[in-house]
C-alpha atoms as a PDB file:
ATOM      1  CA  MET A   1     -40.567 -57.292-203.278  1.00  0.00           C
ATOM      2  CA  ASN A   2     -40.365 -59.520-206.305  1.00  0.00           C
ATOM      3  CA  HIS A   3     -40.170 -57.241-209.351  1.00  0.00           C
ATOM      4  CA  LYS A   4     -40.115 -58.641-212.861  1.00  0.00           C
ATOM      5  CA  ARG A   5     -37.265 -57.490-215.014  1.00  0.00           C
ATOM      6  CA  PHE A   6     -37.146 -57.290-218.768  1.00  0.00           C
ATOM      7  CA  TRP A   7     -34.688 -60.160-219.147  1.00  0.00           C
ATOM      8  CA  ASP A   8     -36.915 -62.378-216.978  1.00  0.00           C
ATOM      9  CA  GLU A   9     -39.762 -62.137-219.503  1.00  0.00           C
ATOM     10  CA  ASP A  10     -40.337 -64.877-222.030  1.00  0.00           C
ATOM     11  CA  LEU A  11     -39.885 -63.395-225.496  1.00  0.00           C
ATOM     12  CA  ARG A  12     -42.462 -65.770-226.966  1.00  0.00           C
ATOM     13  CA  VAL A  13     -45.126 -64.382-224.639  1.00  0.00           C
ATOM     14  CA  TRP A  14     -44.064 -60.836-225.537  1.00  0.00           C
ATOM     15  CA  ALA A  15     -44.143 -61.598-229.299  1.00  0.00           C
ATOM     16  CA  ARG A  16     -47.554 -63.274-228.999  1.00  0.00           C
ATOM     17  CA  GLN A  17     -48.944 -60.209-227.201  1.00  0.00           C
ATOM     18  CA  CYS A  18     -47.485 -57.871-229.836  1.00  0.00           C
ATOM     19  CA  LEU A  19     -49.048 -59.962-232.587  1.00  0.00           C
ATOM     20  CA  ALA A  20     -52.408 -59.911-230.805  1.00  0.00           C
ATOM     21  CA  ASP A  21     -52.158 -56.123-230.498  1.00  0.00           C
ATOM     22  CA  LEU A  22     -51.368 -55.796-234.217  1.00  0.00           C
ATOM     23  CA  VAL A  23     -54.347 -57.967-235.124  1.00  0.00           C
ATOM     24  CA  THR A  24     -56.563 -55.758-232.957  1.00  0.00           C
ATOM     25  CA  LEU A  25     -55.226 -52.652-234.694  1.00  0.00           C
ATOM     26  CA  VAL A  26     -55.822 -54.123-238.160  1.00  0.00           C
ATOM     27  CA  LEU A  27     -59.373 -55.111-237.223  1.00  0.00           C
ATOM     28  CA  PHE A  28     -60.038 -51.621-235.848  1.00  0.00           C
ATOM     29  CA  VAL A  29     -58.773 -49.999-239.050  1.00  0.00           C
ATOM     30  CA  ALA A  30     -60.835 -52.395-241.189  1.00  0.00           C
ATOM     31  CA  VAL A  31     -64.024 -51.659-239.239  1.00  0.00           C
ATOM     32  CA  PHE A  32     -63.351 -47.912-239.345  1.00  0.00           C
ATOM     33  CA  MET A  33     -62.780 -47.981-243.117  1.00  0.00           C
ATOM     34  CA  THR A  34     -65.930 -50.042-243.631  1.00  0.00           C
ATOM     35  CA  LEU A  35     -68.009 -47.635-241.568  1.00  0.00           C
ATOM     36  CA  THR A  36     -66.717 -44.614-243.509  1.00  0.00           C
ATOM     37  CA  LEU A  37     -67.666 -46.050-246.902  1.00  0.00           C
ATOM     38  CA  PRO A  38     -71.176 -44.479-246.940  1.00  0.00           C
ATOM     39  CA  VAL A  39     -69.529 -41.046-246.626  1.00  0.00           C
ATOM     40  CA  VAL A  40     -66.427 -41.564-248.760  1.00  0.00           C
ATOM     41  CA  VAL A  41     -68.036 -43.171-251.827  1.00  0.00           C
ATOM     42  CA  PRO A  42     -70.616 -40.414-252.495  1.00  0.00           C
ATOM     43  CA  GLY A  43     -67.955 -37.781-251.873  1.00  0.00           C
ATOM     44  CA  LEU A  44     -65.648 -39.408-254.410  1.00  0.00           C
ATOM     45  CA  LEU A  45     -68.499 -39.715-256.911  1.00  0.00           C
ATOM     46  CA  LEU A  46     -69.367 -36.038-256.525  1.00  0.00           C
ATOM     47  CA  TRP A  47     -65.711 -35.055-256.907  1.00  0.00           C
ATOM     48  CA  TRP A  48     -65.407 -37.234-260.035  1.00  0.00           C
ATOM     49  CA  PHE A  49     -68.585 -35.739-261.529  1.00  0.00           C
ATOM     50  CA  GLN A  50     -67.257 -32.234-260.876  1.00  0.00           C
ATOM     51  CA  GLN A  51     -63.942 -33.074-262.544  1.00  0.00           C
ATOM     52  CA  ILE A  52     -65.654 -34.577-265.590  1.00  0.00           C
ATOM     53  CA  THR A  53     -68.259 -31.841-266.123  1.00  0.00           C
ATOM     54  CA  GLY A  54     -66.252 -28.856-264.912  1.00  0.00           C
ATOM     55  CA  ARG A  55     -69.247 -27.645-262.921  1.00  0.00           C
ATOM     56  CA  PRO A  56     -69.465 -27.446-259.126  1.00  0.00           C
END
């Protein structure tokens, strides 16, 4: 059998794949944060109003 070993890999290909994976992760986090805005913003506004007025 012809197995690939770590030292036979091209480091540029490995680095390019790692960079592509990081870009995918950043895009996932950005989409997740964008989709949570309709829940987070009203919650923060309600918390701020409670802190300002002292009423629940």
